[in-house]
């Protein structure tokens, strides 16, 4: 069996046509050998935050099943996702899934999924969450945005999948809300 390819960086983005409304998500994984794996999907009725989270979930699912042993950076243009997973999640759990204002945390189902996947991923190797400003010319973020917007508009973009491992690909490209 060949050694897993070295994952260089991961990008995620979500989009919604109306909020709520039809939404899409995109994930792009760049490998050190120049190959790329793109993932995407959509939902008929959702919110932008849920699509941002879904993109991160699919990225983490890919990382968890990749066999990687090297640190990786995951880029998102969603401060909600980055701050939620790195700053707020532990406090929400301690408070019984309540915000600082005492209100129920929105999207708890997806936060739980992100939490479980992040624990799996960080057992393999370090993961660093990084914020990237959206629509700023960053090629990874711009490509994720193209994928997410296309799905939110009911289109199916051509997803690049160069040099991919079929077993990992099949595990990640399941329909949204299906267990991985």
N, C-alpha and C. Protein backbone atom coordinates (compact mmCIF):
# COMPACT_ATOMS: atom_id res chain seq x y z
N UNK A 1 0.84 -1.19 0.00
CA UNK A 1 0.00 0.00 0.00
C UNK A 1 0.88 1.25 0.00
N UNK A 2 0.57 2.18 -0.85
CA UNK A 2 1.35 3.41 -0.96
C UNK A 2 1.11 4.30 0.25
N UNK A 3 2.14 5.04 0.62
CA UNK A 3 2.00 5.98 1.73
C UNK A 3 1.02 7.08 1.33
N UNK A 4 0.24 7.59 2.30
CA UNK A 4 -0.69 8.68 1.96
C UNK A 4 0.07 9.91 1.47
N UNK A 5 -0.56 10.62 0.53
CA UNK A 5 0.06 11.85 0.02
C UNK A 5 0.01 12.91 1.12
N UNK A 6 1.00 13.79 1.09
CA UNK A 6 1.10 14.84 2.09
C UNK A 6 0.11 15.96 1.76
N UNK A 7 -0.81 16.20 2.67
CA UNK A 7 -1.78 17.28 2.51
C UNK A 7 -1.11 18.57 2.90
N UNK A 8 -1.14 19.54 1.97
CA UNK A 8 -0.48 20.82 2.19
C UNK A 8 -1.41 21.80 2.91
N UNK A 9 -2.58 22.05 2.34
CA UNK A 9 -3.55 22.97 2.93
C UNK A 9 -4.96 22.53 2.57
N UNK A 10 -5.91 23.01 3.37
CA UNK A 10 -7.33 22.72 3.14
C UNK A 10 -8.08 24.04 3.23
N UNK A 11 -9.01 24.25 2.30
CA UNK A 11 -9.86 25.43 2.29
C UNK A 11 -11.32 25.01 2.33
N UNK A 12 -12.15 25.83 2.98
CA UNK A 12 -13.59 25.55 3.04
C UNK A 12 -14.37 26.85 2.86
N UNK A 13 -15.58 26.72 2.31
CA UNK A 13 -16.47 27.87 2.19
C UNK A 13 -17.90 27.39 2.02
N UNK A 14 -18.82 28.24 2.42
CA UNK A 14 -20.24 27.98 2.24
C UNK A 14 -20.89 29.18 1.60
N UNK A 15 -22.06 28.95 0.98
CA UNK A 15 -22.80 30.03 0.33
C UNK A 15 -24.29 29.74 0.45
N UNK A 16 -25.07 30.80 0.38
CA UNK A 16 -26.52 30.64 0.45
C UNK A 16 -27.15 31.69 -0.46
N UNK A 17 -28.10 31.27 -1.29
CA UNK A 17 -28.85 32.19 -2.15
C UNK A 17 -30.12 32.55 -1.41
N UNK A 18 -30.04 33.62 -0.64
CA UNK A 18 -31.07 33.95 0.33
C UNK A 18 -30.60 33.33 1.64
N UNK A 19 -30.97 33.89 2.74
CA UNK A 19 -30.49 33.35 4.01
C UNK A 19 -31.62 33.41 5.04
N UNK A 20 -32.45 32.37 5.15
CA UNK A 20 -32.25 31.04 4.58
C UNK A 20 -32.66 30.96 3.11
N UNK A 21 -32.23 29.87 2.50
CA UNK A 21 -32.52 29.61 1.10
C UNK A 21 -31.67 28.46 0.61
N UNK A 22 -31.60 28.25 -0.70
CA UNK A 22 -30.75 27.19 -1.24
C UNK A 22 -29.29 27.49 -0.93
N UNK A 23 -28.54 26.46 -0.51
CA UNK A 23 -27.15 26.68 -0.12
C UNK A 23 -26.22 25.68 -0.72
N UNK A 24 -24.93 26.00 -0.66
CA UNK A 24 -23.90 25.10 -1.14
C UNK A 24 -22.65 25.24 -0.30
N UNK A 25 -21.81 24.23 -0.38
CA UNK A 25 -20.52 24.25 0.32
C UNK A 25 -19.43 23.73 -0.62
N UNK A 26 -18.22 24.16 -0.36
CA UNK A 26 -17.08 23.71 -1.14
C UNK A 26 -15.87 23.50 -0.26
N UNK A 27 -15.11 22.47 -0.57
CA UNK A 27 -13.87 22.16 0.14
C UNK A 27 -12.81 21.84 -0.90
N UNK A 28 -11.62 22.41 -0.72
CA UNK A 28 -10.51 22.13 -1.63
C UNK A 28 -9.31 21.70 -0.80
N UNK A 29 -8.75 20.54 -1.15
CA UNK A 29 -7.57 20.01 -0.47
C UNK A 29 -6.42 20.05 -1.46
N UNK A 30 -5.34 20.74 -1.06
CA UNK A 30 -4.14 20.83 -1.89
C UNK A 30 -3.07 19.92 -1.29
N UNK A 31 -2.43 19.13 -2.17
CA UNK A 31 -1.37 18.22 -1.76
C UNK A 31 -0.02 18.77 -2.17
N UNK A 32 1.02 18.35 -1.47
CA UNK A 32 2.37 18.85 -1.74
C UNK A 32 2.87 18.47 -3.12
N UNK A 33 2.33 17.41 -3.73
CA UNK A 33 2.76 17.02 -5.07
C UNK A 33 2.02 17.76 -6.18
N UNK A 34 1.18 18.74 -5.80
CA UNK A 34 0.45 19.54 -6.78
C UNK A 34 -0.93 19.02 -7.10
N UNK A 35 -1.30 17.85 -6.61
CA UNK A 35 -2.63 17.33 -6.88
C UNK A 35 -3.66 18.03 -5.99
N UNK A 36 -4.91 17.93 -6.42
CA UNK A 36 -6.00 18.65 -5.76
C UNK A 36 -7.20 17.71 -5.64
N UNK A 37 -7.90 17.83 -4.54
CA UNK A 37 -9.18 17.13 -4.33
C UNK A 37 -10.23 18.18 -3.99
N UNK A 38 -11.28 18.28 -4.81
CA UNK A 38 -12.35 19.23 -4.55
C UNK A 38 -13.63 18.46 -4.20
N UNK A 39 -14.33 18.97 -3.21
CA UNK A 39 -15.58 18.38 -2.75
C UNK A 39 -16.64 19.47 -2.72
N UNK A 40 -17.87 19.10 -2.87
CA UNK A 40 -18.94 20.10 -2.79
C UNK A 40 -20.29 19.45 -2.72
N UNK A 41 -21.27 20.24 -2.32
CA UNK A 41 -22.63 19.76 -2.23
C UNK A 41 -23.56 20.90 -1.88
N UNK A 42 -24.82 20.59 -1.69
CA UNK A 42 -25.77 21.64 -1.37
C UNK A 42 -27.02 21.11 -0.70
N UNK A 43 -27.84 22.04 -0.27
CA UNK A 43 -29.13 21.75 0.35
C UNK A 43 -30.15 22.73 -0.20
N UNK A 44 -31.38 22.27 -0.31
CA UNK A 44 -32.45 23.09 -0.87
C UNK A 44 -32.85 24.23 0.05
N UNK A 45 -32.80 24.02 1.36
CA UNK A 45 -33.24 25.05 2.32
C UNK A 45 -32.29 25.01 3.52
N UNK A 46 -31.50 26.07 3.68
CA UNK A 46 -30.48 26.08 4.72
C UNK A 46 -30.08 27.52 5.01
N UNK A 47 -29.01 27.69 5.78
CA UNK A 47 -28.46 29.03 6.06
C UNK A 47 -26.99 29.05 5.65
N UNK A 48 -26.45 30.24 5.52
CA UNK A 48 -25.04 30.38 5.17
C UNK A 48 -24.15 29.74 6.25
N UNK A 49 -24.47 29.99 7.52
CA UNK A 49 -23.63 29.42 8.59
C UNK A 49 -23.62 27.90 8.52
N UNK A 50 -24.75 27.28 8.24
CA UNK A 50 -24.80 25.82 8.15
C UNK A 50 -23.96 25.32 6.98
N UNK A 51 -23.94 26.05 5.89
CA UNK A 51 -23.12 25.63 4.76
C UNK A 51 -21.63 25.82 5.05
N UNK A 52 -21.27 26.89 5.74
CA UNK A 52 -19.88 27.08 6.17
C UNK A 52 -19.44 25.91 7.05
N UNK A 53 -20.32 25.51 7.96
CA UNK A 53 -20.02 24.40 8.86
C UNK A 53 -19.95 23.08 8.10
N UNK A 54 -20.85 22.88 7.14
CA UNK A 54 -20.86 21.64 6.38
C UNK A 54 -19.55 21.49 5.60
N UNK A 55 -19.05 22.58 5.05
CA UNK A 55 -17.76 22.52 4.33
C UNK A 55 -16.64 22.09 5.28
N UNK A 56 -16.63 22.64 6.49
CA UNK A 56 -15.61 22.26 7.48
C UNK A 56 -15.77 20.81 7.90
N UNK A 57 -17.01 20.35 8.06
CA UNK A 57 -17.26 18.95 8.42
C UNK A 57 -16.71 18.02 7.35
N UNK A 58 -16.97 18.33 6.09
CA UNK A 58 -16.48 17.47 5.00
C UNK A 58 -14.96 17.49 4.93
N UNK A 59 -14.36 18.64 5.21
CA UNK A 59 -12.90 18.73 5.23
C UNK A 59 -12.33 17.86 6.36
N UNK A 60 -12.92 17.96 7.54
CA UNK A 60 -12.43 17.17 8.67
C UNK A 60 -12.65 15.67 8.44
N UNK A 61 -13.78 15.30 7.82
CA UNK A 61 -14.03 13.89 7.52
C UNK A 61 -12.95 13.37 6.56
N UNK A 62 -12.59 14.18 5.58
CA UNK A 62 -11.53 13.79 4.65
C UNK A 62 -10.21 13.61 5.40
N UNK A 63 -9.88 14.58 6.24
CA UNK A 63 -8.62 14.49 7.00
C UNK A 63 -8.62 13.27 7.91
N UNK A 64 -9.73 13.00 8.57
CA UNK A 64 -9.82 11.88 9.51
C UNK A 64 -9.58 10.54 8.81
N UNK A 65 -10.02 10.43 7.57
CA UNK A 65 -9.88 9.16 6.85
C UNK A 65 -8.66 9.11 5.94
N UNK A 66 -7.84 10.15 5.97
CA UNK A 66 -6.71 10.24 5.04
C UNK A 66 -5.45 9.51 5.50
N UNK A 67 -5.34 9.24 6.80
CA UNK A 67 -4.12 8.61 7.30
C UNK A 67 -2.96 9.57 7.45
N UNK A 68 -3.23 10.87 7.39
CA UNK A 68 -2.14 11.85 7.47
C UNK A 68 -1.49 11.82 8.84
N UNK A 69 -0.21 12.16 8.87
CA UNK A 69 0.54 12.21 10.11
C UNK A 69 1.27 13.55 10.28
N UNK A 70 1.08 14.44 9.34
CA UNK A 70 1.73 15.75 9.37
C UNK A 70 0.72 16.83 9.75
N UNK A 71 1.18 17.92 10.39
CA UNK A 71 0.27 19.03 10.69
C UNK A 71 -0.32 19.62 9.41
N UNK A 72 -1.50 20.18 9.52
CA UNK A 72 -2.14 20.82 8.36
C UNK A 72 -2.90 22.04 8.83
N UNK A 73 -3.01 23.03 7.94
CA UNK A 73 -3.80 24.24 8.20
C UNK A 73 -5.10 24.15 7.43
N UNK A 74 -6.21 24.48 8.10
CA UNK A 74 -7.51 24.54 7.48
C UNK A 74 -7.94 26.00 7.44
N UNK A 75 -8.17 26.52 6.23
CA UNK A 75 -8.55 27.92 6.04
C UNK A 75 -10.05 28.04 5.85
N UNK A 76 -10.64 29.02 6.53
CA UNK A 76 -12.06 29.33 6.38
C UNK A 76 -12.22 30.84 6.36
N UNK A 77 -13.21 31.32 5.61
CA UNK A 77 -13.50 32.76 5.65
C UNK A 77 -14.65 33.03 6.61
N UNK A 78 -15.02 32.04 7.40
CA UNK A 78 -16.10 32.18 8.37
C UNK A 78 -15.53 32.33 9.78
N UNK A 79 -15.64 33.55 10.31
CA UNK A 79 -15.21 33.75 11.69
C UNK A 79 -16.11 32.97 12.64
N UNK A 80 -17.36 32.78 12.25
CA UNK A 80 -18.30 31.98 13.04
C UNK A 80 -17.76 30.56 13.23
N UNK A 81 -17.31 29.94 12.16
CA UNK A 81 -16.77 28.58 12.25
C UNK A 81 -15.46 28.57 13.01
N UNK A 82 -14.54 29.45 12.64
CA UNK A 82 -13.22 29.45 13.29
C UNK A 82 -13.34 29.74 14.78
N UNK A 83 -14.08 30.78 15.14
CA UNK A 83 -14.21 31.11 16.56
C UNK A 83 -15.03 30.07 17.31
N UNK A 84 -16.05 29.55 16.65
CA UNK A 84 -16.88 28.53 17.28
C UNK A 84 -16.08 27.32 17.69
N UNK A 85 -15.26 26.81 16.78
CA UNK A 85 -14.51 25.58 17.05
C UNK A 85 -13.30 25.83 17.94
N UNK A 86 -12.68 27.01 17.85
CA UNK A 86 -11.45 27.26 18.61
C UNK A 86 -11.66 28.01 19.92
N UNK A 87 -12.76 28.78 20.04
CA UNK A 87 -12.95 29.61 21.23
C UNK A 87 -14.24 29.33 22.01
N UNK A 88 -15.33 29.10 21.33
CA UNK A 88 -16.63 29.07 21.99
C UNK A 88 -17.12 27.68 22.36
N UNK A 89 -16.72 26.66 21.63
CA UNK A 89 -17.29 25.33 21.78
C UNK A 89 -17.18 24.78 23.21
N UNK A 90 -16.02 24.88 23.79
CA UNK A 90 -15.83 24.33 25.14
C UNK A 90 -16.78 25.00 26.14
N UNK A 91 -16.93 26.32 26.04
CA UNK A 91 -17.84 27.05 26.93
C UNK A 91 -19.30 26.66 26.71
N UNK A 92 -19.68 26.49 25.45
CA UNK A 92 -21.06 26.08 25.16
C UNK A 92 -21.35 24.73 25.80
N UNK A 93 -20.43 23.81 25.68
CA UNK A 93 -20.63 22.48 26.23
C UNK A 93 -20.73 22.54 27.76
N UNK A 94 -19.87 23.34 28.39
CA UNK A 94 -19.91 23.49 29.86
C UNK A 94 -21.23 24.07 30.33
N UNK A 95 -21.80 24.97 29.53
CA UNK A 95 -23.05 25.64 29.91
C UNK A 95 -24.28 24.90 29.41
N UNK A 96 -24.12 23.64 29.00
CA UNK A 96 -25.26 22.88 28.51
C UNK A 96 -25.80 23.41 27.19
N UNK A 97 -24.88 23.80 26.30
CA UNK A 97 -25.21 24.30 24.97
C UNK A 97 -26.02 25.59 25.02
N UNK A 98 -25.60 26.48 25.91
CA UNK A 98 -26.17 27.82 26.00
C UNK A 98 -25.08 28.84 25.67
N UNK A 99 -25.51 29.95 25.07
CA UNK A 99 -24.57 31.04 24.77
C UNK A 99 -24.31 31.84 26.04
N UNK A 100 -23.42 32.81 25.94
CA UNK A 100 -23.14 33.68 27.09
C UNK A 100 -24.40 34.42 27.53
N UNK A 101 -25.32 34.65 26.60
CA UNK A 101 -26.59 35.32 26.91
C UNK A 101 -27.64 34.35 27.44
N UNK A 102 -27.28 33.06 27.56
CA UNK A 102 -28.21 32.07 28.08
C UNK A 102 -29.17 31.48 27.05
N UNK A 103 -28.97 31.82 25.79
CA UNK A 103 -29.84 31.29 24.73
C UNK A 103 -29.26 29.99 24.18
N UNK A 104 -30.12 29.13 23.61
CA UNK A 104 -29.60 27.89 23.01
C UNK A 104 -28.65 28.19 21.84
N UNK A 105 -27.59 27.41 21.76
CA UNK A 105 -26.62 27.54 20.66
C UNK A 105 -27.29 27.07 19.37
N UNK A 106 -27.21 27.90 18.35
CA UNK A 106 -27.73 27.51 17.04
C UNK A 106 -26.82 26.47 16.39
N UNK A 107 -27.39 25.62 15.61
CA UNK A 107 -26.65 24.62 14.83
C UNK A 107 -25.90 23.61 15.70
N UNK A 108 -26.48 23.29 16.86
CA UNK A 108 -25.82 22.37 17.79
C UNK A 108 -25.51 21.03 17.14
N UNK A 109 -26.39 20.55 16.26
CA UNK A 109 -26.14 19.28 15.59
C UNK A 109 -24.83 19.30 14.81
N UNK A 110 -24.57 20.39 14.11
CA UNK A 110 -23.34 20.49 13.32
C UNK A 110 -22.13 20.76 14.21
N UNK A 111 -22.31 21.53 15.29
CA UNK A 111 -21.20 21.76 16.22
C UNK A 111 -20.77 20.44 16.85
N UNK A 112 -21.72 19.59 17.20
CA UNK A 112 -21.38 18.27 17.75
C UNK A 112 -20.57 17.47 16.75
N UNK A 113 -21.00 17.49 15.50
CA UNK A 113 -20.30 16.75 14.45
C UNK A 113 -18.88 17.30 14.25
N UNK A 114 -18.75 18.62 14.21
CA UNK A 114 -17.42 19.23 14.08
C UNK A 114 -16.52 18.85 15.25
N UNK A 115 -17.07 18.87 16.45
CA UNK A 115 -16.31 18.54 17.65
C UNK A 115 -15.76 17.12 17.59
N UNK A 116 -16.61 16.16 17.25
CA UNK A 116 -16.18 14.76 17.16
C UNK A 116 -15.11 14.59 16.09
N UNK A 117 -15.33 15.17 14.93
CA UNK A 117 -14.36 15.05 13.85
C UNK A 117 -13.04 15.72 14.19
N UNK A 118 -13.11 16.89 14.81
CA UNK A 118 -11.85 17.57 15.18
C UNK A 118 -11.05 16.71 16.16
N UNK A 119 -11.72 16.07 17.10
CA UNK A 119 -11.00 15.19 18.04
C UNK A 119 -10.32 14.05 17.29
N UNK A 120 -11.00 13.46 16.31
CA UNK A 120 -10.41 12.38 15.52
C UNK A 120 -9.20 12.88 14.75
N UNK A 121 -9.34 14.04 14.12
CA UNK A 121 -8.28 14.60 13.28
C UNK A 121 -7.05 14.95 14.11
N UNK A 122 -7.26 15.57 15.27
CA UNK A 122 -6.12 16.00 16.07
C UNK A 122 -5.42 14.85 16.79
N UNK A 123 -6.04 13.68 16.82
CA UNK A 123 -5.34 12.49 17.34
C UNK A 123 -4.28 12.03 16.35
N UNK A 124 -4.50 12.29 15.06
CA UNK A 124 -3.54 11.90 14.01
C UNK A 124 -2.36 12.85 13.96
N UNK A 125 -2.64 14.14 13.98
CA UNK A 125 -1.61 15.17 13.84
C UNK A 125 -2.25 16.52 14.12
N UNK A 126 -1.43 17.54 14.42
CA UNK A 126 -2.00 18.87 14.71
C UNK A 126 -2.79 19.45 13.54
N UNK A 127 -3.82 20.21 13.89
CA UNK A 127 -4.66 20.92 12.94
C UNK A 127 -4.70 22.38 13.39
N UNK A 128 -4.44 23.27 12.47
CA UNK A 128 -4.49 24.70 12.78
C UNK A 128 -5.61 25.34 11.97
N UNK A 129 -6.55 25.98 12.67
CA UNK A 129 -7.63 26.71 12.02
C UNK A 129 -7.12 28.11 11.71
N UNK A 130 -7.27 28.54 10.45
CA UNK A 130 -6.82 29.88 10.05
C UNK A 130 -7.95 30.60 9.34
N UNK A 131 -8.06 31.89 9.64
CA UNK A 131 -9.05 32.74 8.98
C UNK A 131 -8.42 33.36 7.74
N UNK A 132 -9.18 33.35 6.64
CA UNK A 132 -8.77 34.04 5.42
C UNK A 132 -9.93 34.96 5.02
N UNK A 133 -9.61 36.17 4.68
CA UNK A 133 -10.65 37.11 4.27
C UNK A 133 -11.27 36.64 2.96
N UNK A 134 -12.59 36.58 2.92
CA UNK A 134 -13.29 36.16 1.71
C UNK A 134 -13.16 37.18 0.60
N UNK A 135 -13.20 36.71 -0.63
CA UNK A 135 -13.19 37.57 -1.82
C UNK A 135 -11.97 38.49 -1.83
N UNK A 136 -10.83 37.96 -1.39
CA UNK A 136 -9.61 38.77 -1.29
C UNK A 136 -8.53 38.34 -2.28
N UNK A 137 -8.88 37.43 -3.20
CA UNK A 137 -7.89 37.00 -4.17
C UNK A 137 -7.10 35.77 -3.75
N UNK A 138 -7.45 35.15 -2.64
CA UNK A 138 -6.79 33.91 -2.22
C UNK A 138 -7.33 32.78 -3.09
N UNK A 139 -6.46 32.09 -3.83
CA UNK A 139 -6.93 31.12 -4.82
C UNK A 139 -7.74 29.99 -4.20
N UNK A 140 -7.34 29.50 -3.04
CA UNK A 140 -8.08 28.40 -2.41
C UNK A 140 -9.46 28.84 -1.96
N UNK A 141 -9.53 30.00 -1.32
CA UNK A 141 -10.82 30.51 -0.87
C UNK A 141 -11.71 30.86 -2.05
N UNK A 142 -11.13 31.47 -3.08
CA UNK A 142 -11.93 31.83 -4.26
C UNK A 142 -12.50 30.59 -4.94
N UNK A 143 -11.71 29.52 -5.02
CA UNK A 143 -12.21 28.29 -5.65
C UNK A 143 -13.33 27.66 -4.81
N UNK A 144 -13.16 27.63 -3.50
CA UNK A 144 -14.23 27.11 -2.63
C UNK A 144 -15.51 27.93 -2.81
N UNK A 145 -15.37 29.23 -2.92
CA UNK A 145 -16.52 30.11 -3.11
C UNK A 145 -17.22 29.79 -4.43
N UNK A 146 -16.45 29.56 -5.50
CA UNK A 146 -17.05 29.20 -6.80
C UNK A 146 -17.87 27.92 -6.68
N UNK A 147 -17.31 26.93 -6.01
CA UNK A 147 -17.99 25.64 -5.84
C UNK A 147 -19.26 25.83 -5.02
N UNK A 148 -19.14 26.50 -3.88
CA UNK A 148 -20.29 26.69 -2.98
C UNK A 148 -21.39 27.50 -3.66
N UNK A 149 -21.03 28.58 -4.35
CA UNK A 149 -22.04 29.40 -5.03
C UNK A 149 -22.75 28.62 -6.12
N UNK A 150 -22.00 27.83 -6.88
CA UNK A 150 -22.62 27.03 -7.93
C UNK A 150 -23.67 26.08 -7.35
N UNK A 151 -23.32 25.36 -6.30
CA UNK A 151 -24.29 24.45 -5.68
C UNK A 151 -25.48 25.21 -5.12
N UNK A 152 -25.25 26.41 -4.57
CA UNK A 152 -26.37 27.18 -4.01
C UNK A 152 -27.33 27.65 -5.10
N UNK A 153 -26.84 27.73 -6.33
CA UNK A 153 -27.66 28.14 -7.46
C UNK A 153 -28.24 26.94 -8.22
N UNK A 154 -28.07 25.75 -7.66
CA UNK A 154 -28.61 24.55 -8.28
C UNK A 154 -27.77 24.00 -9.41
N UNK A 155 -26.55 24.49 -9.55
CA UNK A 155 -25.64 24.01 -10.60
C UNK A 155 -24.72 22.94 -10.02
N UNK A 156 -24.12 22.14 -10.89
CA UNK A 156 -23.15 21.15 -10.46
C UNK A 156 -21.82 21.48 -11.12
N UNK A 157 -20.91 22.12 -10.38
CA UNK A 157 -19.62 22.49 -10.97
C UNK A 157 -18.74 21.26 -11.20
N UNK A 158 -17.80 21.39 -12.12
CA UNK A 158 -16.83 20.32 -12.33
C UNK A 158 -15.82 20.39 -11.19
N UNK A 159 -15.73 19.31 -10.43
CA UNK A 159 -14.82 19.25 -9.29
C UNK A 159 -13.55 18.53 -9.71
N UNK A 160 -12.41 19.20 -9.45
CA UNK A 160 -11.11 18.59 -9.77
C UNK A 160 -10.80 17.50 -8.76
N UNK A 161 -10.37 16.37 -9.26
CA UNK A 161 -9.99 15.25 -8.40
C UNK A 161 -8.79 14.58 -9.03
N UNK A 162 -7.63 15.18 -8.83
CA UNK A 162 -6.41 14.64 -9.44
C UNK A 162 -5.64 13.82 -8.42
N UNK A 163 -5.33 12.60 -8.77
CA UNK A 163 -4.51 11.75 -7.93
C UNK A 163 -5.17 11.37 -6.62
N UNK A 164 -6.49 11.14 -6.61
CA UNK A 164 -7.17 10.87 -5.35
C UNK A 164 -7.19 9.40 -4.98
N UNK A 165 -7.36 9.14 -3.72
CA UNK A 165 -7.52 7.80 -3.18
C UNK A 165 -9.02 7.52 -3.14
N UNK A 166 -9.49 6.57 -3.93
CA UNK A 166 -10.93 6.32 -4.07
C UNK A 166 -11.62 6.03 -2.75
N UNK A 167 -10.98 5.32 -1.82
CA UNK A 167 -11.67 4.98 -0.57
C UNK A 167 -11.93 6.24 0.24
N UNK A 168 -10.98 7.16 0.27
CA UNK A 168 -11.19 8.42 0.98
C UNK A 168 -12.27 9.23 0.28
N UNK A 169 -12.21 9.31 -1.05
CA UNK A 169 -13.18 10.08 -1.82
C UNK A 169 -14.60 9.59 -1.55
N UNK A 170 -14.80 8.29 -1.56
CA UNK A 170 -16.14 7.75 -1.35
C UNK A 170 -16.65 8.07 0.05
N UNK A 171 -15.79 8.09 1.03
CA UNK A 171 -16.23 8.36 2.40
C UNK A 171 -16.69 9.80 2.57
N UNK A 172 -16.15 10.73 1.80
CA UNK A 172 -16.45 12.14 1.98
C UNK A 172 -17.58 12.62 1.09
N UNK A 173 -17.77 12.05 -0.07
CA UNK A 173 -18.75 12.56 -1.00
C UNK A 173 -20.15 11.96 -0.81
N UNK A 174 -20.49 11.62 0.42
CA UNK A 174 -21.84 11.15 0.71
C UNK A 174 -22.77 12.35 0.76
N UNK A 175 -24.06 12.13 0.53
CA UNK A 175 -25.00 13.25 0.62
C UNK A 175 -24.96 13.90 2.00
N UNK A 176 -25.30 15.16 2.04
CA UNK A 176 -25.33 15.90 3.31
C UNK A 176 -26.29 15.21 4.27
N UNK A 177 -25.96 15.28 5.54
CA UNK A 177 -26.74 14.71 6.65
C UNK A 177 -26.71 13.19 6.66
N UNK A 178 -25.78 12.57 5.96
CA UNK A 178 -25.60 11.13 6.03
C UNK A 178 -24.40 10.88 6.95
N UNK A 179 -24.46 9.85 7.81
CA UNK A 179 -23.30 9.56 8.65
C UNK A 179 -22.11 9.14 7.82
N UNK A 180 -20.96 9.51 8.28
CA UNK A 180 -19.72 9.14 7.56
C UNK A 180 -19.08 8.00 8.30
